């Protein structure tokens, strides 16, 4: 590449994945590295199930979360609700997944195989990163909430980003004890320059 005058910088965590199908598993467990590019959008499902088209789903991502916090986009955070024994995974600006039971961070950081290898004859597990199979039991499938709105708000002389997530996929969430709110509101504290404190 240097012979062509193209400078390359090797950076751990940057990879190109050629996949098709549903990107939910890949993007909901995105590693702590900036998401650089999405391509082959013509062969993947829209990022948001209620989007009119693939381009409108990508536009929703760029008109909202990308403008508010580019570096934080789809960065995964994992927490637990010990009272209900739920594992909650947040891919900021994209989804909140609620899973019945306590799953280790190592397992949650692995992408669920909702997508397929670009080469249809290739081994479906032959990726350059670890993946995990989809849960077969309806009780073990995650309840997925997708980004519905985002905005900046003033907070104690600084700013905060407020994002709301709604459940857009049909299903009853069987197996989860207690009520799951129809809407999640997450408020990471933001500094004046848009940095998390």
N, C-alpha and C. Protein backbone atom coordinates (compact mmCIF):
# COMPACT_ATOMS: atom_id res chain seq x y z
N UNK A 1 0.82 -1.19 0.00
CA UNK A 1 0.00 0.00 0.00
C UNK A 1 0.86 1.26 0.00
N UNK A 2 2.02 1.18 0.66
CA UNK A 2 2.90 2.34 0.72
C UNK A 2 3.38 2.72 -0.67
N UNK A 3 3.53 1.72 -1.55
CA UNK A 3 3.96 2.00 -2.92
C UNK A 3 2.93 2.83 -3.68
N UNK A 4 1.69 2.74 -3.26
CA UNK A 4 0.63 3.52 -3.89
C UNK A 4 0.46 4.89 -3.26
N UNK A 5 1.25 5.15 -2.21
CA UNK A 5 1.16 6.44 -1.53
C UNK A 5 0.07 6.49 -0.48
N UNK A 6 -0.40 5.32 -0.06
CA UNK A 6 -1.45 5.25 0.96
C UNK A 6 -0.81 4.90 2.29
N UNK A 7 -0.97 5.76 3.27
CA UNK A 7 -0.43 5.49 4.59
C UNK A 7 -1.42 4.67 5.38
N UNK A 8 -0.94 3.62 6.02
CA UNK A 8 -1.79 2.77 6.84
C UNK A 8 -1.34 2.85 8.28
N UNK A 9 -2.27 2.90 9.17
CA UNK A 9 -1.98 2.87 10.59
C UNK A 9 -2.63 1.63 11.17
N UNK A 10 -1.83 0.77 11.78
CA UNK A 10 -2.37 -0.44 12.39
C UNK A 10 -2.95 -0.06 13.74
N UNK A 11 -4.20 -0.39 13.96
CA UNK A 11 -4.87 -0.07 15.22
C UNK A 11 -5.68 -1.29 15.65
N UNK A 12 -5.40 -1.81 16.84
CA UNK A 12 -6.14 -2.95 17.34
C UNK A 12 -7.61 -2.59 17.49
N UNK A 13 -8.47 -3.50 17.11
CA UNK A 13 -9.90 -3.28 17.25
C UNK A 13 -10.57 -2.84 15.97
N UNK A 14 -9.81 -2.41 14.97
CA UNK A 14 -10.39 -2.04 13.68
C UNK A 14 -10.37 -3.26 12.78
N UNK A 15 -11.53 -3.69 12.34
CA UNK A 15 -11.63 -4.84 11.46
C UNK A 15 -12.71 -4.56 10.43
N UNK A 16 -12.60 -5.23 9.30
CA UNK A 16 -13.67 -5.16 8.31
C UNK A 16 -14.39 -6.50 8.34
N UNK A 17 -15.69 -6.45 8.53
CA UNK A 17 -16.50 -7.66 8.53
C UNK A 17 -17.46 -7.58 7.36
N UNK A 18 -17.40 -8.54 6.48
CA UNK A 18 -18.36 -8.60 5.39
C UNK A 18 -19.41 -9.64 5.76
N UNK A 19 -20.58 -9.16 6.12
CA UNK A 19 -21.67 -10.03 6.54
C UNK A 19 -22.96 -9.55 5.91
N UNK A 20 -23.99 -10.36 5.98
CA UNK A 20 -25.31 -9.94 5.52
C UNK A 20 -26.35 -10.47 6.50
N UNK A 21 -27.57 -10.00 6.36
CA UNK A 21 -28.63 -10.41 7.28
C UNK A 21 -28.94 -9.33 8.30
N UNK A 22 -29.04 -9.71 9.56
CA UNK A 22 -29.40 -8.81 10.64
C UNK A 22 -28.14 -8.43 11.43
N UNK A 23 -27.80 -7.15 11.47
CA UNK A 23 -26.58 -6.69 12.14
C UNK A 23 -26.76 -6.50 13.64
N UNK A 24 -27.93 -6.79 14.20
CA UNK A 24 -28.18 -6.57 15.62
C UNK A 24 -27.10 -7.20 16.50
N UNK A 25 -26.80 -8.47 16.31
CA UNK A 25 -25.83 -9.15 17.15
C UNK A 25 -24.45 -8.52 17.09
N UNK A 26 -24.05 -8.08 15.91
CA UNK A 26 -22.73 -7.48 15.73
C UNK A 26 -22.67 -6.09 16.35
N UNK A 27 -23.67 -5.26 16.10
CA UNK A 27 -23.64 -3.88 16.56
C UNK A 27 -24.00 -3.72 18.04
N UNK A 28 -24.82 -4.61 18.58
CA UNK A 28 -25.21 -4.51 19.99
C UNK A 28 -24.08 -4.91 20.92
N UNK A 29 -23.05 -5.56 20.40
CA UNK A 29 -21.91 -5.96 21.23
C UNK A 29 -20.62 -5.39 20.65
N UNK A 30 -20.72 -4.19 20.10
CA UNK A 30 -19.57 -3.56 19.46
C UNK A 30 -18.46 -3.34 20.49
N UNK A 31 -17.22 -3.67 20.14
CA UNK A 31 -16.12 -3.50 21.10
C UNK A 31 -15.83 -2.02 21.37
N UNK A 32 -15.00 -1.79 22.36
CA UNK A 32 -14.65 -0.42 22.72
C UNK A 32 -13.63 0.09 21.70
N UNK A 33 -14.13 0.41 20.54
CA UNK A 33 -13.36 0.98 19.44
C UNK A 33 -14.37 1.73 18.59
N UNK A 34 -13.97 2.83 17.97
CA UNK A 34 -14.94 3.59 17.17
C UNK A 34 -15.47 2.75 16.01
N UNK A 35 -16.76 2.92 15.72
CA UNK A 35 -17.32 2.28 14.54
C UNK A 35 -16.99 3.20 13.38
N UNK A 36 -16.32 2.67 12.38
CA UNK A 36 -15.79 3.50 11.31
C UNK A 36 -16.71 3.53 10.10
N UNK A 37 -17.22 2.37 9.70
CA UNK A 37 -17.98 2.34 8.45
C UNK A 37 -18.94 1.15 8.44
N UNK A 38 -20.08 1.35 7.85
CA UNK A 38 -21.01 0.28 7.54
C UNK A 38 -21.12 0.22 6.03
N UNK A 39 -20.96 -0.97 5.47
CA UNK A 39 -21.12 -1.07 4.02
C UNK A 39 -21.92 -2.33 3.68
N UNK A 40 -22.23 -2.49 2.41
CA UNK A 40 -23.11 -3.56 1.92
C UNK A 40 -24.50 -3.43 2.55
N UNK A 41 -24.97 -2.20 2.70
CA UNK A 41 -26.28 -1.99 3.32
C UNK A 41 -27.43 -2.54 2.49
N UNK A 42 -27.15 -2.87 1.23
CA UNK A 42 -28.20 -3.41 0.38
C UNK A 42 -28.55 -4.86 0.72
N UNK A 43 -27.72 -5.55 1.51
CA UNK A 43 -27.99 -6.95 1.83
C UNK A 43 -28.19 -7.19 3.32
N UNK A 44 -28.38 -6.12 4.07
CA UNK A 44 -28.65 -6.27 5.50
C UNK A 44 -30.04 -5.71 5.81
N UNK A 45 -30.62 -6.19 6.90
CA UNK A 45 -31.91 -5.66 7.33
C UNK A 45 -31.71 -4.23 7.80
N UNK A 46 -32.75 -3.38 7.74
CA UNK A 46 -32.61 -2.02 8.28
C UNK A 46 -32.18 -2.07 9.74
N UNK A 47 -31.34 -1.11 10.15
CA UNK A 47 -30.82 -1.10 11.51
C UNK A 47 -31.93 -0.97 12.55
N UNK A 48 -33.00 -0.26 12.20
CA UNK A 48 -34.15 -0.10 13.10
C UNK A 48 -35.36 -0.76 12.43
N UNK A 49 -36.04 -1.67 13.12
CA UNK A 49 -37.15 -2.41 12.50
C UNK A 49 -38.29 -1.54 11.99
N UNK A 50 -38.49 -0.36 12.58
CA UNK A 50 -39.61 0.48 12.16
C UNK A 50 -39.22 1.48 11.07
N UNK A 51 -37.99 1.41 10.58
CA UNK A 51 -37.54 2.33 9.53
C UNK A 51 -38.22 2.00 8.21
N UNK A 52 -38.50 3.03 7.42
CA UNK A 52 -39.14 2.83 6.12
C UNK A 52 -38.22 2.14 5.14
N UNK A 53 -36.91 2.40 5.27
CA UNK A 53 -35.94 1.83 4.35
C UNK A 53 -34.58 1.76 5.03
N UNK A 54 -33.65 1.10 4.39
CA UNK A 54 -32.29 1.01 4.94
C UNK A 54 -31.65 2.40 5.05
N UNK A 55 -31.73 3.22 3.98
CA UNK A 55 -31.13 4.56 4.10
C UNK A 55 -31.76 5.41 5.20
N UNK A 56 -33.07 5.30 5.41
CA UNK A 56 -33.69 6.11 6.47
C UNK A 56 -33.25 5.63 7.85
N UNK A 57 -32.97 4.34 8.01
CA UNK A 57 -32.46 3.83 9.29
C UNK A 57 -31.06 4.38 9.56
N UNK A 58 -30.22 4.39 8.54
CA UNK A 58 -28.86 4.94 8.71
C UNK A 58 -28.94 6.44 8.97
N UNK A 59 -29.85 7.12 8.28
CA UNK A 59 -30.03 8.56 8.49
C UNK A 59 -30.43 8.85 9.93
N UNK A 60 -31.31 8.02 10.50
CA UNK A 60 -31.72 8.21 11.89
C UNK A 60 -30.52 8.11 12.82
N UNK A 61 -29.63 7.19 12.53
CA UNK A 61 -28.42 7.03 13.35
C UNK A 61 -27.53 8.26 13.25
N UNK A 62 -27.35 8.78 12.02
CA UNK A 62 -26.43 9.90 11.82
C UNK A 62 -27.03 11.24 12.20
N UNK A 63 -28.33 11.39 12.09
CA UNK A 63 -28.97 12.66 12.46
C UNK A 63 -29.09 12.83 13.97
N UNK A 64 -29.02 11.75 14.71
CA UNK A 64 -29.17 11.82 16.16
C UNK A 64 -27.90 11.48 16.91
N UNK A 65 -27.69 10.20 17.22
CA UNK A 65 -26.56 9.80 18.07
C UNK A 65 -25.18 10.21 17.55
N UNK A 66 -24.97 10.14 16.25
CA UNK A 66 -23.65 10.51 15.71
C UNK A 66 -23.36 11.98 15.98
N UNK A 67 -24.36 12.84 15.83
CA UNK A 67 -24.16 14.27 16.09
C UNK A 67 -23.95 14.55 17.58
N UNK A 68 -24.60 13.78 18.45
CA UNK A 68 -24.51 14.02 19.89
C UNK A 68 -23.22 13.49 20.51
N UNK A 69 -22.80 12.32 20.11
CA UNK A 69 -21.61 11.71 20.72
C UNK A 69 -21.03 10.67 19.78
N UNK A 70 -20.25 11.13 18.82
CA UNK A 70 -19.68 10.24 17.82
C UNK A 70 -18.85 9.13 18.44
N UNK A 71 -18.00 9.47 19.39
CA UNK A 71 -17.10 8.48 19.99
C UNK A 71 -17.85 7.44 20.80
N UNK A 72 -18.99 7.79 21.35
CA UNK A 72 -19.73 6.85 22.18
C UNK A 72 -20.70 5.97 21.43
N UNK A 73 -20.86 6.20 20.13
CA UNK A 73 -21.85 5.48 19.34
C UNK A 73 -21.64 3.97 19.42
N UNK A 74 -22.66 3.27 19.83
CA UNK A 74 -22.71 1.81 19.92
C UNK A 74 -21.71 1.21 20.89
N UNK A 75 -21.10 2.03 21.74
CA UNK A 75 -20.19 1.48 22.74
C UNK A 75 -21.02 0.72 23.76
N UNK A 76 -20.62 -0.51 24.03
CA UNK A 76 -21.41 -1.39 24.89
C UNK A 76 -21.11 -1.17 26.37
N UNK A 77 -22.16 -1.07 27.16
CA UNK A 77 -22.07 -1.04 28.62
C UNK A 77 -22.95 -2.16 29.14
N UNK A 78 -22.48 -2.86 30.15
CA UNK A 78 -23.22 -3.99 30.70
C UNK A 78 -23.48 -3.72 32.18
N UNK A 79 -24.71 -3.93 32.61
CA UNK A 79 -25.04 -3.78 34.03
C UNK A 79 -26.05 -4.86 34.39
N UNK A 80 -26.36 -4.93 35.67
CA UNK A 80 -27.22 -6.00 36.17
C UNK A 80 -28.33 -5.44 37.05
N UNK A 81 -29.50 -6.05 36.96
CA UNK A 81 -30.61 -5.77 37.86
C UNK A 81 -30.71 -7.01 38.75
N UNK A 82 -30.12 -6.93 39.94
CA UNK A 82 -30.05 -8.11 40.80
C UNK A 82 -31.41 -8.49 41.36
N UNK A 83 -32.31 -7.53 41.55
CA UNK A 83 -33.63 -7.84 42.09
C UNK A 83 -34.42 -8.75 41.14
N UNK A 84 -34.31 -8.50 39.84
CA UNK A 84 -35.03 -9.30 38.85
C UNK A 84 -34.15 -10.35 38.18
N UNK A 85 -32.86 -10.33 38.51
CA UNK A 85 -31.87 -11.24 37.90
C UNK A 85 -31.85 -11.07 36.37
N UNK A 86 -31.66 -9.83 35.94
CA UNK A 86 -31.55 -9.50 34.53
C UNK A 86 -30.15 -9.01 34.24
N UNK A 87 -29.69 -9.28 33.03
CA UNK A 87 -28.47 -8.68 32.50
C UNK A 87 -28.92 -7.64 31.48
N UNK A 88 -28.41 -6.43 31.60
CA UNK A 88 -28.80 -5.34 30.70
C UNK A 88 -27.56 -4.89 29.94
N UNK A 89 -27.65 -4.90 28.62
CA UNK A 89 -26.55 -4.47 27.76
C UNK A 89 -27.03 -3.27 26.95
N UNK A 90 -26.30 -2.17 27.04
CA UNK A 90 -26.65 -0.94 26.33
C UNK A 90 -25.61 -0.68 25.25
N UNK A 91 -26.05 -0.61 24.00
CA UNK A 91 -25.19 -0.16 22.90
C UNK A 91 -25.65 1.27 22.64
N UNK A 92 -24.94 2.26 23.19
CA UNK A 92 -25.42 3.63 23.22
C UNK A 92 -25.81 4.13 21.83
N UNK A 93 -26.99 4.71 21.75
CA UNK A 93 -27.48 5.27 20.50
C UNK A 93 -28.07 4.25 19.56
N UNK A 94 -28.19 2.99 20.02
CA UNK A 94 -28.71 1.95 19.14
C UNK A 94 -29.73 1.07 19.86
N UNK A 95 -29.30 0.26 20.83
CA UNK A 95 -30.21 -0.68 21.49
C UNK A 95 -29.93 -0.84 22.97
N UNK A 96 -30.94 -1.35 23.66
CA UNK A 96 -30.81 -1.87 25.02
C UNK A 96 -31.34 -3.30 24.96
N UNK A 97 -30.53 -4.26 25.41
CA UNK A 97 -30.95 -5.66 25.45
C UNK A 97 -31.11 -6.08 26.90
N UNK A 98 -32.23 -6.68 27.22
CA UNK A 98 -32.48 -7.20 28.57
C UNK A 98 -32.56 -8.72 28.45
N UNK A 99 -31.68 -9.41 29.19
CA UNK A 99 -31.61 -10.87 29.13
C UNK A 99 -31.95 -11.43 30.49
N UNK A 100 -32.76 -12.46 30.52
CA UNK A 100 -33.10 -13.12 31.78
C UNK A 100 -31.87 -13.85 32.30
N UNK A 101 -31.59 -13.67 33.58
CA UNK A 101 -30.45 -14.33 34.21
C UNK A 101 -29.23 -13.43 34.20
N UNK A 102 -28.22 -13.87 34.91
CA UNK A 102 -26.97 -13.13 34.99
C UNK A 102 -25.97 -13.76 34.03
N UNK A 103 -25.56 -13.01 33.03
CA UNK A 103 -24.56 -13.47 32.06
C UNK A 103 -23.27 -12.73 32.32
N UNK A 104 -22.16 -13.40 32.15
CA UNK A 104 -20.86 -12.76 32.39
C UNK A 104 -20.60 -11.70 31.33
N UNK A 105 -19.81 -10.68 31.68
CA UNK A 105 -19.45 -9.68 30.67
C UNK A 105 -18.76 -10.31 29.46
N UNK A 106 -17.93 -11.30 29.70
CA UNK A 106 -17.23 -11.97 28.59
C UNK A 106 -18.23 -12.56 27.59
N UNK A 107 -19.29 -13.17 28.09
CA UNK A 107 -20.30 -13.74 27.20
C UNK A 107 -21.10 -12.66 26.50
N UNK A 108 -21.45 -11.59 27.22
CA UNK A 108 -22.23 -10.50 26.62
C UNK A 108 -21.43 -9.74 25.57
N UNK A 109 -20.11 -9.73 25.70
CA UNK A 109 -19.27 -9.02 24.73
C UNK A 109 -19.12 -9.79 23.43
N UNK A 110 -19.48 -11.07 23.43
CA UNK A 110 -19.44 -11.85 22.19
C UNK A 110 -20.69 -11.54 21.37
N UNK A 111 -20.52 -11.37 20.08
CA UNK A 111 -21.65 -11.07 19.19
C UNK A 111 -22.55 -12.28 19.03
N UNK A 112 -23.85 -12.08 19.19
CA UNK A 112 -24.81 -13.14 18.90
C UNK A 112 -24.89 -13.27 17.38
N UNK A 113 -24.94 -14.49 16.88
CA UNK A 113 -24.91 -14.72 15.44
C UNK A 113 -26.28 -14.46 14.80
N UNK A 114 -26.62 -13.19 14.69
CA UNK A 114 -27.84 -12.79 13.98
C UNK A 114 -27.53 -12.53 12.51
N UNK A 115 -26.28 -12.57 12.14
CA UNK A 115 -25.80 -12.25 10.80
C UNK A 115 -25.17 -13.50 10.19
N UNK A 116 -24.94 -13.45 8.89
CA UNK A 116 -24.36 -14.59 8.17
C UNK A 116 -23.08 -14.16 7.48
N UNK A 117 -22.20 -15.13 7.27
CA UNK A 117 -20.93 -14.88 6.59
C UNK A 117 -21.20 -14.46 5.14
N UNK A 118 -20.42 -13.52 4.66
CA UNK A 118 -20.56 -13.03 3.29
C UNK A 118 -20.43 -14.17 2.28
N UNK A 119 -19.52 -15.09 2.56
CA UNK A 119 -19.32 -16.24 1.68
C UNK A 119 -20.26 -17.34 2.15
N UNK A 120 -21.30 -17.56 1.39
CA UNK A 120 -22.38 -18.44 1.83
C UNK A 120 -21.93 -19.87 2.11
N UNK A 121 -20.88 -20.34 1.47
CA UNK A 121 -20.41 -21.71 1.69
C UNK A 121 -19.41 -21.81 2.84
N UNK A 122 -19.02 -20.70 3.39
CA UNK A 122 -18.05 -20.70 4.49
C UNK A 122 -18.70 -21.20 5.77
N UNK A 123 -17.87 -21.65 6.68
CA UNK A 123 -18.35 -22.08 7.99
C UNK A 123 -19.00 -20.88 8.67
N UNK A 124 -20.22 -21.05 9.15
CA UNK A 124 -20.95 -19.91 9.74
C UNK A 124 -20.32 -19.42 11.04
N UNK A 125 -19.37 -20.15 11.58
CA UNK A 125 -18.68 -19.69 12.79
C UNK A 125 -17.29 -19.16 12.48
N UNK A 126 -16.92 -19.13 11.21
CA UNK A 126 -15.55 -18.73 10.82
C UNK A 126 -15.43 -17.22 10.71
N UNK A 127 -15.36 -16.56 11.85
CA UNK A 127 -15.18 -15.11 11.89
C UNK A 127 -13.86 -14.82 12.58
N UNK A 128 -13.35 -13.63 12.39
CA UNK A 128 -12.09 -13.22 13.02
C UNK A 128 -12.33 -12.77 14.46
N UNK A 129 -13.51 -12.99 14.98
CA UNK A 129 -13.86 -12.60 16.35
C UNK A 129 -14.78 -13.68 16.92
N UNK A 130 -14.88 -13.73 18.23
CA UNK A 130 -15.72 -14.74 18.88
C UNK A 130 -17.19 -14.39 18.75
N UNK A 131 -18.00 -15.40 18.49
CA UNK A 131 -19.45 -15.22 18.41
C UNK A 131 -20.11 -16.25 19.32
N UNK A 132 -21.38 -16.02 19.59
CA UNK A 132 -22.15 -16.99 20.36
C UNK A 132 -23.45 -17.29 19.61
N UNK A 133 -23.98 -18.50 19.78
CA UNK A 133 -25.22 -18.84 19.08
C UNK A 133 -26.40 -18.06 19.64
N UNK A 134 -27.45 -17.96 18.85
CA UNK A 134 -28.68 -17.33 19.32
C UNK A 134 -29.35 -18.27 20.33
N UNK A 135 -30.00 -17.69 21.30
CA UNK A 135 -30.74 -18.49 22.28
C UNK A 135 -31.92 -19.15 21.58
N UNK A 136 -32.12 -20.43 21.81
CA UNK A 136 -33.23 -21.14 21.19
C UNK A 136 -34.51 -21.01 22.00
N UNK A 137 -34.37 -20.99 23.30
CA UNK A 137 -35.54 -20.89 24.18
C UNK A 137 -36.08 -19.47 24.17
N UNK A 138 -37.39 -19.30 24.01
CA UNK A 138 -37.96 -17.94 24.05
C UNK A 138 -37.67 -17.24 25.38
N UNK A 139 -37.51 -18.02 26.44
CA UNK A 139 -37.23 -17.43 27.76
C UNK A 139 -35.82 -16.84 27.83
N UNK A 140 -34.92 -17.31 26.99
CA UNK A 140 -33.54 -16.85 27.03
C UNK A 140 -33.24 -15.80 25.96
N UNK A 141 -34.18 -15.57 25.05
CA UNK A 141 -33.95 -14.55 24.02
C UNK A 141 -34.01 -13.18 24.66
N UNK A 142 -33.15 -12.27 24.23
CA UNK A 142 -33.18 -10.93 24.82
C UNK A 142 -34.42 -10.15 24.40
N UNK A 143 -34.85 -9.28 25.29
CA UNK A 143 -35.90 -8.32 24.95
C UNK A 143 -35.15 -7.10 24.43
N UNK A 144 -35.46 -6.68 23.21
CA UNK A 144 -34.68 -5.64 22.55
C UNK A 144 -35.47 -4.33 22.50
N UNK A 145 -34.82 -3.26 22.95
CA UNK A 145 -35.37 -1.91 22.88
C UNK A 145 -34.47 -1.12 21.93
N UNK A 146 -35.07 -0.46 20.94
CA UNK A 146 -34.31 0.32 19.97
C UNK A 146 -34.43 1.81 20.28
N UNK A 147 -33.42 2.56 19.88
CA UNK A 147 -33.42 4.01 20.07
C UNK A 147 -34.66 4.62 19.44
N UNK A 148 -35.37 5.44 20.22
CA UNK A 148 -36.54 6.13 19.67
C UNK A 148 -36.34 7.64 19.61
N UNK A 149 -35.57 8.20 20.55
CA UNK A 149 -35.31 9.64 20.51
C UNK A 149 -34.04 9.95 21.29
N UNK A 150 -33.49 11.10 21.01
CA UNK A 150 -32.27 11.56 21.69
C UNK A 150 -32.28 13.08 21.70
N UNK A 151 -31.69 13.66 22.75
CA UNK A 151 -31.60 15.12 22.83
C UNK A 151 -30.57 15.50 23.88
N UNK A 152 -30.09 16.73 23.79
CA UNK A 152 -29.20 17.29 24.81
C UNK A 152 -30.04 18.12 25.77
N UNK A 153 -29.69 18.05 27.05
CA UNK A 153 -30.38 18.86 28.06
C UNK A 153 -29.34 19.50 28.96
N UNK A 154 -29.68 20.69 29.47
CA UNK A 154 -28.81 21.36 30.44
C UNK A 154 -28.93 20.65 31.78
N UNK A 155 -27.79 20.51 32.47
CA UNK A 155 -27.80 19.85 33.77
C UNK A 155 -26.69 20.42 34.63
N UNK A 156 -27.06 21.16 35.67
CA UNK A 156 -26.10 21.71 36.64
C UNK A 156 -24.94 22.45 35.97
N UNK A 157 -25.23 23.33 35.06
CA UNK A 157 -24.21 24.12 34.39
C UNK A 157 -23.49 23.38 33.27
N UNK A 158 -23.82 22.15 33.02
CA UNK A 158 -23.22 21.37 31.94
C UNK A 158 -24.31 20.84 31.02
N UNK A 159 -24.00 19.81 30.32
CA UNK A 159 -24.97 19.20 29.42
C UNK A 159 -25.05 17.70 29.69
N UNK A 160 -26.19 17.14 29.38
CA UNK A 160 -26.36 15.70 29.44
C UNK A 160 -27.08 15.26 28.17
N UNK A 161 -26.84 14.05 27.77
CA UNK A 161 -27.52 13.49 26.61
C UNK A 161 -28.58 12.53 27.11
N UNK A 162 -29.80 12.72 26.68
CA UNK A 162 -30.90 11.85 27.08
C UNK A 162 -31.31 11.03 25.87
N UNK A 163 -31.30 9.72 26.02
CA UNK A 163 -31.73 8.83 24.93
C UNK A 163 -32.87 7.97 25.44
N UNK A 164 -33.85 7.73 24.58
CA UNK A 164 -34.99 6.88 24.93
C UNK A 164 -35.02 5.68 23.99
N UNK A 165 -35.37 4.55 24.54
CA UNK A 165 -35.40 3.30 23.79
C UNK A 165 -36.77 2.67 23.95
N UNK A 166 -37.35 2.19 22.84
CA UNK A 166 -38.66 1.56 22.87
C UNK A 166 -38.58 0.17 22.27
N UNK A 167 -39.45 -0.68 22.76
CA UNK A 167 -39.52 -2.05 22.23
C UNK A 167 -40.30 -2.02 20.92
N UNK A 168 -39.64 -2.36 19.84
CA UNK A 168 -40.27 -2.28 18.52
C UNK A 168 -40.60 -3.63 17.94
N UNK A 169 -40.10 -4.69 18.57
CA UNK A 169 -40.35 -6.03 18.04
C UNK A 169 -41.49 -6.68 18.82
N UNK A 170 -42.34 -7.44 18.15
CA UNK A 170 -43.44 -8.09 18.85
C UNK A 170 -42.92 -9.20 19.75
N UNK A 171 -43.66 -9.50 20.79
CA UNK A 171 -43.29 -10.57 21.71
C UNK A 171 -43.74 -10.23 23.11
N UNK A 172 -43.82 -11.23 23.92
CA UNK A 172 -44.35 -11.01 25.26
C UNK A 172 -43.27 -10.89 26.31
N UNK A 173 -42.03 -11.25 25.98
CA UNK A 173 -40.98 -11.21 26.99
C UNK A 173 -41.19 -12.28 28.04
N UNK A 174 -41.77 -13.42 27.67
CA UNK A 174 -42.04 -14.50 28.62
C UNK A 174 -40.77 -14.91 29.33
N UNK A 175 -40.92 -15.27 30.56
CA UNK A 175 -39.78 -15.74 31.33
C UNK A 175 -39.14 -14.65 32.16
N UNK A 176 -39.45 -13.39 31.89
CA UNK A 176 -38.90 -12.29 32.68
C UNK A 176 -39.83 -12.03 33.85
N UNK A 177 -39.28 -12.05 35.04
CA UNK A 177 -40.10 -11.77 36.22
C UNK A 177 -40.28 -10.27 36.35
N UNK A 178 -41.45 -9.86 36.74
CA UNK A 178 -41.71 -8.44 36.93
C UNK A 178 -42.03 -7.76 35.62
N UNK A 179 -42.17 -6.48 35.68
CA UNK A 179 -42.53 -5.68 34.51
C UNK A 179 -41.28 -5.07 33.89
N UNK A 180 -41.23 -5.06 32.59
CA UNK A 180 -40.19 -4.34 31.88
C UNK A 180 -40.84 -3.07 31.37
N UNK A 181 -40.22 -1.95 31.67
CA UNK A 181 -40.79 -0.67 31.22
C UNK A 181 -40.86 -0.66 29.70
N UNK A 182 -41.90 -0.03 29.16
CA UNK A 182 -42.05 0.05 27.72
C UNK A 182 -41.03 1.01 27.12
N UNK A 183 -40.37 1.75 27.95
CA UNK A 183 -39.44 2.76 27.47
C UNK A 183 -38.29 2.89 28.47
N UNK A 184 -37.07 2.93 27.99
CA UNK A 184 -35.90 3.10 28.85
C UNK A 184 -35.39 4.52 28.68
N UNK A 185 -35.00 5.14 29.74
CA UNK A 185 -34.42 6.48 29.68
C UNK A 185 -33.06 6.42 30.34
N UNK A 186 -32.02 6.63 29.58
CA UNK A 186 -30.66 6.57 30.10
C UNK A 186 -30.08 7.97 30.07
N UNK A 187 -29.43 8.38 31.14
CA UNK A 187 -28.90 9.73 31.24
C UNK A 187 -27.42 9.72 31.60
N UNK A 188 -26.53 9.41 30.65
CA UNK A 188 -25.11 9.55 30.97
C UNK A 188 -24.77 11.03 31.13
N UNK A 189 -24.00 11.37 32.14
CA UNK A 189 -23.64 12.78 32.36
C UNK A 189 -22.62 13.21 31.32
N UNK A 190 -22.84 14.39 30.77
CA UNK A 190 -21.94 14.92 29.76
C UNK A 190 -21.38 16.24 30.23
N UNK A 191 -20.09 16.47 29.95
CA UNK A 191 -19.48 17.76 30.26
C UNK A 191 -19.83 18.79 29.21
N UNK A 192 -19.37 20.01 29.39
CA UNK A 192 -19.67 21.08 28.43
C UNK A 192 -19.18 20.76 27.03
N UNK A 193 -18.03 20.10 26.95
CA UNK A 193 -17.47 19.80 25.64
C UNK A 193 -18.01 18.49 25.08
N UNK A 194 -19.01 17.95 25.74
CA UNK A 194 -19.59 16.71 25.24
C UNK A 194 -18.85 15.47 25.72
N UNK A 195 -17.99 15.63 26.71
CA UNK A 195 -17.26 14.47 27.22
C UNK A 195 -17.95 13.93 28.46
N UNK A 196 -17.89 12.63 28.62
CA UNK A 196 -18.51 12.02 29.79
C UNK A 196 -17.70 12.31 31.02
N UNK A 197 -18.40 12.61 32.12
CA UNK A 197 -17.72 12.84 33.39
C UNK A 197 -17.85 11.63 34.25
